[in-house]
Amino acid sequence: MYHCEELNRVSKTLQRVILTAGLLAGCLLVPTVVSAQLSFEEAPINYNKAEPDNLISRFQKRLDAGEIKLAYERKNRIGYLPAVLEALKIPISSQTLVFSKTSLQVKHIDPQSPRALYFNDDLYVGYVQGGSVLEVSASDPKLGTVFYTMSQSQTSHPKFVRKTFECTQCHASSMTQGVPGHIMRSVYPGPDGMPEFREGTFRSDHSSPFSERWGGWYVTGTHGEMRHMGNLIFRQGDSSRKLNREPGANAVDLEKWFDTSAYLSPHSDIVSLMVLEHQVKMHNLITRAQIEGRITERDATVMNRMLEREATFQSDSTKRRYESAANRLVDYMLFVDELQLDDQIRGTSRFESEFSRSGPRDKQGRSLREFDLKRRLFRYPCSYLIYSESFDQLPRPVLDVVYRRLWEILTGKDQSSEYAHLSAADRRAILEILIETKQGLPEYWKPAEPDARQTGG
């Protein structure tokens, strides 16, 4: 016998299975929307009610226990920002500056007082001059992005306060892969920083055309003949179709736009911006794979129980759902469709060197964090977030598919056209780096040798 709650779940599961089957049967006629909203507020995710377990929740416990003290800085109303960045190991060199009014504290943001963003592999911190709070988010291995604020008023007990509905009403949509996540957006900003939405907006990741990037952001760094939308104000009479990008190009400092002395760094480094673009979507896709995988596990458990099958049985529909979540992630982490650069990119801060130094290296000194910046973002195009806790805690059936697909591609067994951007040398190098530096790889990875078709690189 099933209880009412279980009956509801069974009914929803059956509906989902029927819908999935229908979509698969009609996939040649009707395109599916891969970023559809997922039911992350329900079991088994319970996003709003579940207890987070991430770097911020763990850090707060240490704060509560008195193990850590955060210094407060009154100068320039910077508050807890320097102490928080230092304690959480977030580099100041990661600073990027966004002046469009696209944030929680919009009334304090404009071209003269942009919002500063800082990040590392797991955390993001937003600072607004005159703002009442620091905006913080963490990549939670089970919940995806979890949002917090910390008051900028001095107190003996600083506290990260979790936010749910206030943030997910914007940060859980098709723009974030349908899960709690981040949005990297390019807009046409007016003189006060308010986006001219009638002109349209662009979501940015590593595949975005260079000409559509960083509208509403400040950008420091050189990029040759390529042009972006950064450092520009969209004024009355301007046309998005004939936007003059020249005034914002190849800026090595921001002095002519605003006073940078109130910030921890005078830079909004172009290399940091490019890494941020990649990382934001990568985190969203990991979250999507996590939530899709756990919902699929739940549905499979219910169906197996109903049909009196072995608990570990995977139907064709279940396998396809795991594969869909995994394949989307694999393609992005291997930089399928990445924009090919036409010119050399050079930053203006220490970000490039600091970022490169912080990752694991193999015996030859190679790292997934090494930059290229001439043809593409990274020298070895496989996302460094493969080392993250969130990646490692993907549901086992999803992780199994991810590892199998990576192995097939990197060993050359899969020569599909979408991976043609990976040369034989690229595949061999990434494979060797991962075998030496990535814990938890399946055993079949260890003796893997590049396919004979790849010899000669």
Protein backbone atom coordinates (compact mmCIF):
# COMPACT_ATOMS: atom_id res chain seq x y z
CA MET A 1 0.00 0.00 0.00
CA TYR A 2 1.15 3.54 -0.76
CA HIS A 3 0.54 6.52 1.48
CA CYS A 4 -0.94 9.70 -0.07
CA GLU A 5 2.45 11.35 -0.35
CA GLU A 6 3.85 8.28 -2.09
CA LEU A 7 0.86 8.11 -4.43
CA ASN A 8 1.43 11.71 -5.41
CA ARG A 9 5.05 10.98 -6.10
CA VAL A 10 4.16 7.90 -8.15
CA SER A 11 1.66 9.93 -10.17
CA LYS A 12 4.21 12.64 -10.86
CA THR A 13 6.80 10.02 -11.76
CA LEU A 14 4.47 8.38 -14.24
CA GLN A 15 3.66 11.74 -15.78
CA ARG A 16 7.35 12.51 -16.08
CA VAL A 17 8.11 9.15 -17.67
CA ILE A 18 5.27 9.57 -20.16
CA LEU A 19 6.39 13.12 -20.96
CA THR A 20 9.99 12.00 -21.41
CA ALA A 21 8.94 9.18 -23.70
CA GLY A 22 6.80 11.56 -25.73
CA LEU A 23 9.61 14.06 -26.08
CA LEU A 24 12.04 11.36 -27.12
CA ALA A 25 9.59 9.96 -29.66
CA GLY A 26 8.96 13.39 -31.12
CA CYS A 27 12.45 14.83 -30.83
CA LEU A 28 12.83 15.06 -34.60
CA LEU A 29 9.78 17.31 -34.81
CA VAL A 30 9.78 19.38 -31.63
CA PRO A 31 12.98 20.75 -30.02
CA THR A 32 13.18 20.20 -26.27
CA VAL A 33 14.16 22.96 -23.86
CA VAL A 34 17.16 21.66 -21.93
CA SER A 35 17.10 24.49 -19.41
CA ALA A 36 13.52 23.90 -18.26
CA GLN A 37 12.83 24.63 -14.61
CA LEU A 38 13.53 21.70 -12.29
CA SER A 39 11.50 21.02 -9.15
CA PHE A 40 14.41 21.75 -6.81
CA GLU A 41 12.08 22.99 -4.04
CA GLU A 42 10.59 19.49 -3.68
CA ALA A 43 12.03 16.16 -2.53
CA PRO A 44 14.70 14.93 -2.87
CA ILE A 45 16.40 18.35 -3.20
CA ASN A 46 14.27 20.46 -0.80
CA TYR A 47 16.36 23.50 -1.68
CA ASN A 48 14.68 25.98 0.67
CA LYS A 49 14.54 23.67 3.69
CA ALA A 50 17.62 21.47 3.45
CA GLU A 51 20.61 22.31 5.65
CA PRO A 52 23.43 23.64 3.45
CA ASP A 53 26.89 22.11 3.67
CA ASN A 54 29.35 24.32 1.86
CA LEU A 55 32.34 26.55 2.54
CA ILE A 56 30.17 29.38 3.91
CA SER A 57 28.05 27.22 6.22
CA ARG A 58 31.22 25.57 7.56
CA PHE A 59 32.94 28.94 7.93
CA GLN A 60 29.95 30.29 9.89
CA LYS A 61 30.26 27.45 12.39
CA ARG A 62 33.87 28.45 13.00
CA LEU A 63 32.79 32.08 13.42
CA ASP A 64 30.12 31.04 15.92
CA ALA A 65 32.66 28.97 17.84
CA GLY A 66 35.04 31.94 18.08
CA GLU A 67 37.76 30.17 16.10
CA ILE A 68 37.90 33.04 13.60
CA LYS A 69 37.68 36.80 14.06
CA LEU A 70 36.88 39.19 11.23
CA ALA A 71 38.47 42.63 11.27
CA TYR A 72 36.29 45.60 10.37
CA GLU A 73 37.68 48.39 8.19
CA ARG A 74 36.04 51.83 8.28
CA LYS A 75 38.15 53.40 5.53
CA ASN A 76 36.11 53.93 2.35
CA ARG A 77 33.24 52.10 4.11
CA ILE A 78 34.85 48.84 3.04
CA GLY A 79 33.63 47.06 6.20
CA TYR A 80 34.22 43.33 6.41
CA LEU A 81 35.19 42.89 2.76
CA PRO A 82 39.01 42.57 3.10
CA ALA A 83 38.72 40.23 6.09
CA VAL A 84 36.13 38.03 4.38
CA LEU A 85 38.21 37.71 1.22
CA GLU A 86 41.35 36.85 3.16
CA ALA A 87 39.61 34.31 5.40
CA LEU A 88 37.90 32.59 2.46
CA LYS A 89 41.03 32.68 0.27
CA ILE A 90 39.42 34.73 -2.47
CA PRO A 91 42.09 36.74 -4.35
CA ILE A 92 41.70 40.50 -4.67
CA SER A 93 43.11 40.12 -8.20
CA SER A 94 39.87 38.39 -9.21
CA GLN A 95 38.05 41.73 -8.89
CA THR A 96 35.69 42.64 -11.72
CA LEU A 97 33.53 45.76 -11.75
CA VAL A 98 29.96 45.95 -13.03
CA PHE A 99 28.11 49.27 -13.19
CA SER A 100 24.77 48.20 -14.66
CA LYS A 101 21.86 48.18 -12.23
CA THR A 102 21.41 44.43 -12.25
CA SER A 103 21.84 43.54 -8.60
CA LEU A 104 20.12 43.43 -5.20
CA GLN A 105 21.46 46.87 -4.15
CA VAL A 106 20.71 48.72 -7.38
CA LYS A 107 20.22 52.15 -5.80
CA HIS A 108 23.91 52.26 -4.84
CA ILE A 109 25.21 51.13 -8.25
CA ASP A 110 26.00 53.41 -11.19
CA PRO A 111 28.95 54.14 -13.52
CA GLN A 112 30.66 56.19 -10.79
CA SER A 113 30.25 53.50 -8.12
CA PRO A 114 30.28 50.07 -9.73
CA ARG A 115 29.67 46.84 -7.88
CA ALA A 116 32.83 44.82 -7.24
CA LEU A 117 32.80 41.04 -7.63
CA TYR A 118 35.43 38.64 -6.29
CA PHE A 119 35.58 34.86 -6.70
CA ASN A 120 37.52 31.65 -6.30
CA ASP A 121 36.60 28.15 -7.47
CA ASP A 122 33.69 27.79 -5.02
CA LEU A 123 32.67 31.24 -3.79
CA TYR A 124 31.52 34.63 -5.04
CA VAL A 125 31.46 37.90 -3.06
CA GLY A 126 29.77 41.12 -4.18
CA TYR A 127 30.60 44.51 -2.65
CA VAL A 128 28.66 47.74 -3.25
CA GLN A 129 29.86 51.14 -2.01
CA GLY A 130 27.41 52.35 0.62
CA GLY A 131 25.56 49.04 0.51
CA SER A 132 24.20 47.58 3.71
CA VAL A 133 25.40 44.03 3.04
CA LEU A 134 28.03 41.93 1.33
CA GLU A 135 26.40 39.60 -1.20
CA VAL A 136 27.87 36.11 -1.00
CA SER A 137 27.15 32.84 -2.76
CA ALA A 138 28.62 29.38 -2.43
CA SER A 139 28.65 26.32 -4.64
CA ASP A 140 26.97 23.71 -2.44
CA PRO A 141 27.68 20.11 -3.54
CA LYS A 142 24.07 18.99 -2.95
CA LEU A 143 22.00 22.17 -3.41
CA GLY A 144 23.83 24.10 -6.09
CA THR A 145 24.32 27.81 -5.55
CA VAL A 146 23.32 28.94 -2.06
CA PHE A 147 22.95 32.67 -1.45
CA TYR A 148 23.89 34.67 1.64
CA THR A 149 24.27 38.23 2.84
CA MET A 150 26.50 39.61 5.59
CA SER A 151 25.67 42.91 7.26
CA GLN A 152 28.22 45.68 6.73
CA SER A 153 27.40 47.10 10.17
CA GLN A 154 30.12 46.35 12.71
CA THR A 155 29.16 43.67 15.21
CA SER A 156 30.83 41.28 17.62
CA HIS A 157 29.13 38.33 15.89
CA PRO A 158 29.29 38.66 12.07
CA LYS A 159 26.83 36.32 10.41
CA PHE A 160 26.19 35.02 6.92
CA VAL A 161 22.40 34.97 6.55
CA ARG A 162 20.99 32.52 4.02
CA LYS A 163 18.60 33.86 1.37
CA THR A 164 16.20 31.69 -0.62
CA PHE A 165 13.12 33.13 -2.37
CA GLU A 166 14.62 36.65 -2.46
CA CYS A 167 17.37 35.39 -4.74
CA THR A 168 15.90 32.40 -6.58
CA GLN A 169 13.08 34.43 -8.10
CA CYS A 170 15.78 35.82 -10.42
CA HIS A 171 18.59 33.32 -9.98
CA ALA A 172 16.68 30.13 -10.86
CA SER A 173 15.39 30.44 -14.40
CA SER A 174 16.22 29.50 -17.97
CA MET A 175 19.12 31.96 -17.67
CA THR A 176 20.71 29.71 -15.01
CA GLN A 177 19.90 26.33 -16.61
CA GLY A 178 16.67 26.20 -14.59
CA VAL A 179 18.48 25.74 -11.25
CA PRO A 180 19.73 28.03 -8.45
CA GLY A 181 22.74 29.68 -10.06
CA HIS A 182 24.37 32.78 -11.44
CA ILE A 183 23.81 34.98 -14.45
CA MET A 184 26.66 36.58 -16.39
CA ARG A 185 24.86 39.24 -18.41
CA SER A 186 25.83 41.85 -20.98
CA VAL A 187 23.49 44.84 -21.42
CA TYR A 188 23.25 48.25 -23.03
CA PRO A 189 23.65 50.48 -19.93
CA GLY A 190 22.22 54.01 -19.84
CA PRO A 191 23.99 56.99 -18.19
CA ASP A 192 22.68 55.97 -14.76
CA GLY A 193 23.55 52.30 -15.27
CA MET A 194 19.96 51.22 -15.93
CA PRO A 195 19.93 48.69 -18.79
CA GLU A 196 18.08 49.66 -21.95
CA PHE A 197 16.20 46.36 -22.06
CA ARG A 198 14.40 47.26 -25.28
CA GLU A 199 17.76 46.90 -27.03
CA GLY A 200 18.15 43.35 -25.76
CA THR A 201 20.65 41.60 -23.49
CA PHE A 202 23.19 38.80 -23.88
CA ARG A 203 24.15 35.92 -21.63
CA SER A 204 27.91 35.45 -21.56
CA ASP A 205 29.98 32.30 -21.42
CA HIS A 206 33.10 31.06 -23.18
CA SER A 207 31.19 30.60 -26.46
CA SER A 208 29.84 34.17 -26.67
CA PRO A 209 30.86 36.42 -29.57
CA PHE A 210 33.49 38.85 -28.32
CA SER A 211 31.45 41.78 -29.62
CA GLU A 212 28.54 40.88 -27.29
CA ARG A 213 30.52 40.64 -24.06
CA TRP A 214 30.69 42.88 -20.98
CA GLY A 215 28.08 45.53 -21.68
CA GLY A 216 27.62 47.29 -18.33
CA TRP A 217 31.03 46.12 -17.06
CA TYR A 218 34.36 47.86 -16.79
CA VAL A 219 37.18 46.04 -18.56
CA THR A 220 40.93 46.53 -18.19
CA GLY A 221 43.25 44.72 -20.58
CA THR A 222 44.29 44.62 -24.20
CA HIS A 223 42.73 42.51 -26.94
CA GLY A 224 44.12 43.78 -30.24
CA GLU A 225 41.58 44.30 -33.03
CA MET A 226 38.73 42.49 -31.26
CA ARG A 227 36.04 44.72 -29.76
CA HIS A 228 33.68 44.26 -26.80
CA MET A 229 30.85 46.25 -25.17
CA GLY A 230 32.67 47.07 -21.94
CA ASN A 231 33.44 50.58 -20.68
CA LEU A 232 30.59 52.05 -22.74
CA ILE A 233 27.50 54.12 -21.88
CA PHE A 234 24.48 53.80 -24.16
CA ARG A 235 23.14 57.30 -24.66
CA GLN A 236 20.02 58.71 -26.26
CA GLY A 237 20.35 58.49 -30.02
CA ASP A 238 22.78 55.55 -29.92
CA SER A 239 21.91 52.44 -31.91
CA SER A 240 22.62 48.92 -30.73
CA ARG A 241 23.09 47.94 -34.37
CA LYS A 242 25.74 50.61 -34.90
CA LEU A 243 27.31 50.74 -31.45
CA ASN A 244 30.73 52.40 -31.48
CA ARG A 245 32.86 50.03 -29.41
CA GLU A 246 36.12 51.87 -30.02
CA PRO A 247 36.09 54.18 -26.93
CA GLY A 248 36.02 51.21 -24.57
CA ALA A 249 38.66 49.12 -26.27
CA ASN A 250 42.13 48.16 -24.97
CA ALA A 251 41.84 50.17 -21.74
CA VAL A 252 44.75 49.59 -19.36
CA ASP A 253 43.20 51.64 -16.55
CA LEU A 254 39.82 53.12 -15.60
CA GLU A 255 40.87 56.62 -14.55
CA LYS A 256 38.88 58.43 -17.22
CA TRP A 257 35.65 56.75 -16.15
CA PHE A 258 35.63 56.90 -12.33
CA ASP A 259 37.77 57.12 -9.19
CA THR A 260 39.07 53.64 -8.38
CA SER A 261 40.68 54.59 -5.05
CA ALA A 262 37.67 53.37 -3.06
CA TYR A 263 38.21 49.79 -4.28
CA LEU A 264 40.69 47.12 -3.25
CA SER A 265 42.11 47.09 -6.78
CA PRO A 266 42.05 49.56 -9.70
CA HIS A 267 41.47 46.71 -12.15
CA SER A 268 38.56 44.90 -13.76
CA ASP A 269 40.83 42.42 -15.45
CA ILE A 270 39.78 40.99 -18.82
CA VAL A 271 41.28 37.58 -18.02
CA SER A 272 39.36 37.43 -14.75
CA LEU A 273 36.18 38.31 -16.65
CA MET A 274 36.77 35.48 -19.13
CA VAL A 275 37.37 32.95 -16.36
CA LEU A 276 34.28 34.19 -14.53
CA GLU A 277 32.19 33.70 -17.68
CA HIS A 278 33.33 30.10 -17.99
CA GLN A 279 32.98 29.32 -14.30
CA VAL A 280 29.48 30.71 -13.81
CA LYS A 281 27.92 28.48 -16.46
CA MET A 282 30.06 25.51 -15.43
CA HIS A 283 28.73 25.79 -11.88
CA ASN A 284 25.18 26.03 -13.21
CA LEU A 285 25.65 22.91 -15.33
CA ILE A 286 27.13 20.95 -12.43
CA THR A 287 24.11 21.95 -10.37
CA ARG A 288 21.78 20.96 -13.19
CA ALA A 289 23.45 17.54 -13.44
CA GLN A 290 23.28 17.12 -9.65
CA ILE A 291 19.58 17.91 -9.41
CA GLU A 292 18.59 16.02 -12.57
CA GLY A 293 20.54 13.00 -11.38
CA ARG A 294 18.95 12.94 -7.93
CA ILE A 295 15.44 13.40 -9.32
CA THR A 296 16.09 10.59 -11.80
CA GLU A 297 17.31 8.34 -8.97
CA ARG A 298 14.14 9.11 -7.02
CA ASP A 299 11.89 8.36 -9.98
CA ALA A 300 13.74 5.16 -10.82
CA THR A 301 13.42 3.95 -7.22
CA VAL A 302 9.66 4.51 -7.25
CA MET A 303 9.18 2.82 -10.64
CA ASN A 304 11.35 -0.17 -9.69
CA ARG A 305 9.36 -0.64 -6.51
CA MET A 306 6.05 -0.39 -8.38
CA LEU A 307 7.12 -2.87 -11.04
CA GLU A 308 8.87 -5.17 -8.52
CA ARG A 309 12.23 -4.86 -10.23
CA GLU A 310 15.71 -4.97 -8.73
CA ALA A 311 16.52 -1.74 -6.88
CA THR A 312 19.56 -1.14 -9.13
CA PHE A 313 17.68 -1.70 -12.40
CA GLN A 314 17.99 1.13 -14.94
CA SER A 315 15.38 1.37 -17.67
CA ASP A 316 16.26 2.82 -21.05
CA SER A 317 14.44 6.01 -20.06
CA THR A 318 16.45 6.28 -16.84
CA LYS A 319 19.72 5.74 -18.69
CA ARG A 320 18.83 8.41 -21.22
CA ARG A 321 18.10 10.91 -18.45
CA TYR A 322 21.48 10.27 -16.81
CA GLU A 323 23.22 10.51 -20.17
CA SER A 324 21.49 13.77 -21.04
CA ALA A 325 22.64 15.42 -17.81
CA ALA A 326 26.18 14.08 -18.21
CA ASN A 327 26.65 14.83 -21.91
CA ARG A 328 25.64 18.46 -21.54
CA LEU A 329 28.22 18.84 -18.77
CA VAL A 330 30.99 17.04 -20.67
CA ASP A 331 30.56 19.19 -23.76
CA TYR A 332 30.85 22.40 -21.79
CA MET A 333 33.78 21.28 -19.66
CA LEU A 334 35.68 20.35 -22.84
CA PHE A 335 34.93 23.80 -24.31
CA VAL A 336 32.83 22.62 -27.24
CA ASP A 337 31.79 25.73 -29.22
CA GLU A 338 34.34 27.94 -27.44
CA LEU A 339 34.99 31.23 -29.23
CA GLN A 340 38.25 31.14 -31.16
CA LEU A 341 40.21 34.31 -30.39
CA ASP A 342 41.52 36.46 -33.24
CA ASP A 343 44.07 38.35 -31.17
CA GLN A 344 46.20 38.16 -28.03
CA ILE A 345 44.49 38.81 -24.68
CA ARG A 346 46.52 40.50 -21.92
CA GLY A 347 45.26 41.39 -18.47
CA THR A 348 46.38 44.23 -16.22
CA SER A 349 46.48 42.63 -12.77
CA ARG A 350 48.13 39.66 -11.07
CA PHE A 351 45.09 37.50 -11.71
CA GLU A 352 46.58 35.48 -14.56
CA SER A 353 49.69 34.46 -12.63
CA GLU A 354 47.88 33.89 -9.32
CA PHE A 355 45.16 31.79 -10.91
CA SER A 356 47.67 29.63 -12.81
CA ARG A 357 49.77 28.94 -9.70
CA SER A 358 46.91 27.66 -7.57
CA GLY A 359 46.04 24.40 -9.29
CA PRO A 360 47.56 20.88 -9.19
CA ARG A 361 50.27 20.06 -11.72
CA ASP A 362 51.50 16.81 -13.20
CA LYS A 363 55.13 15.65 -13.25
CA GLN A 364 55.78 17.70 -16.37
CA GLY A 365 54.52 20.83 -14.62
CA ARG A 366 51.31 21.01 -16.67
CA SER A 367 48.02 22.28 -15.23
CA LEU A 368 44.44 22.74 -16.40
CA ARG A 369 44.76 26.30 -15.08
CA GLU A 370 47.40 27.32 -17.63
CA PHE A 371 46.22 30.02 -20.01
CA ASP A 372 46.53 30.25 -23.76
CA LEU A 373 44.89 33.65 -24.49
CA LYS A 374 45.98 33.65 -28.13
CA ARG A 375 43.57 31.16 -29.70
CA ARG A 376 41.41 30.25 -26.71
CA LEU A 377 41.11 30.74 -22.97
CA PHE A 378 43.09 27.76 -21.62
CA ARG A 379 46.07 25.90 -22.99
CA TYR A 380 44.47 22.55 -22.09
CA PRO A 381 40.70 22.89 -22.67
CA CYS A 382 39.17 20.91 -19.83
CA SER A 383 37.52 22.77 -16.97
CA TYR A 384 39.53 23.08 -13.75
CA LEU A 385 36.23 22.64 -11.86
CA ILE A 386 36.66 18.91 -12.41
CA TYR A 387 38.65 19.14 -9.16
CA SER A 388 35.77 20.74 -7.23
CA GLU A 389 33.80 19.14 -4.42
CA SER A 390 30.57 19.81 -6.32
CA PHE A 391 31.83 17.79 -9.29
CA ASP A 392 32.99 14.91 -7.09
CA GLN A 393 29.59 14.71 -5.37
CA LEU A 394 27.56 14.34 -8.54
CA PRO A 395 25.18 11.35 -8.33
CA ARG A 396 27.13 8.20 -9.09
CA PRO A 397 25.19 7.24 -12.24
CA VAL A 398 25.80 10.72 -13.71
CA LEU A 399 29.47 10.74 -12.70
CA ASP A 400 29.94 7.30 -14.25
CA VAL A 401 28.69 8.58 -17.60
CA VAL A 402 30.80 11.75 -17.34
CA TYR A 403 33.98 9.76 -16.73
CA ARG A 404 33.15 7.26 -19.50
CA ARG A 405 32.50 10.03 -22.02
CA LEU A 406 35.66 11.92 -21.06
CA TRP A 407 37.71 8.76 -21.42
CA GLU A 408 36.23 7.96 -24.84
CA ILE A 409 36.94 11.48 -26.10
CA LEU A 410 40.39 11.93 -24.59
CA THR A 411 41.64 8.52 -25.75
CA GLY A 412 40.41 9.26 -29.28
CA LYS A 413 37.80 6.49 -29.31
CA ASP A 414 35.21 9.19 -29.95
CA GLN A 415 36.15 11.23 -33.01
CA SER A 416 32.83 13.08 -33.30
CA SER A 417 32.97 16.40 -35.12
CA GLU A 418 31.98 18.44 -32.05
CA TYR A 419 35.33 17.53 -30.48
CA ALA A 420 37.40 18.43 -33.53
CA HIS A 421 38.75 21.47 -31.66
CA LEU A 422 40.70 19.04 -29.49
CA SER A 423 43.86 18.02 -31.30
CA ALA A 424 45.54 14.70 -30.65
CA ALA A 425 48.11 16.55 -28.54
CA ASP A 426 45.34 18.31 -26.57
CA ARG A 427 43.58 15.04 -25.78
CA ARG A 428 46.76 13.27 -24.81
CA ALA A 429 47.90 16.13 -22.55
CA ILE A 430 44.53 16.47 -20.77
CA LEU A 431 44.35 12.71 -20.27
CA GLU A 432 47.86 12.57 -18.80
CA ILE A 433 47.24 15.57 -16.54
CA LEU A 434 44.03 14.08 -15.16
CA ILE A 435 45.52 10.63 -14.59
CA GLU A 436 48.26 12.19 -12.47
CA THR A 437 46.27 14.89 -10.67
CA LYS A 438 42.61 13.87 -10.40
CA GLN A 439 41.58 11.65 -7.51
CA GLY A 440 38.70 9.20 -7.87
CA LEU A 441 39.15 8.31 -11.53
CA PRO A 442 37.76 4.90 -12.56
CA GLU A 443 40.32 2.11 -12.79
CA TYR A 444 39.91 1.79 -16.55
CA TRP A 445 41.48 5.24 -16.95
CA LYS A 446 44.86 4.20 -15.59
CA PRO A 447 46.20 2.03 -18.45
CA ALA A 448 44.48 4.12 -21.12
CA GLU A 449 46.63 4.96 -24.11
CA PRO A 450 45.81 7.42 -26.91
CA ASP A 451 44.16 5.84 -29.91
CA ALA A 452 46.55 4.90 -32.73
CA ARG A 453 44.93 7.48 -34.99
CA GLN A 454 46.29 10.20 -32.70
CA THR A 455 49.97 9.28 -32.79
CA GLY A 456 52.08 12.03 -34.16
CA GLY A 457 49.94 14.74 -32.41
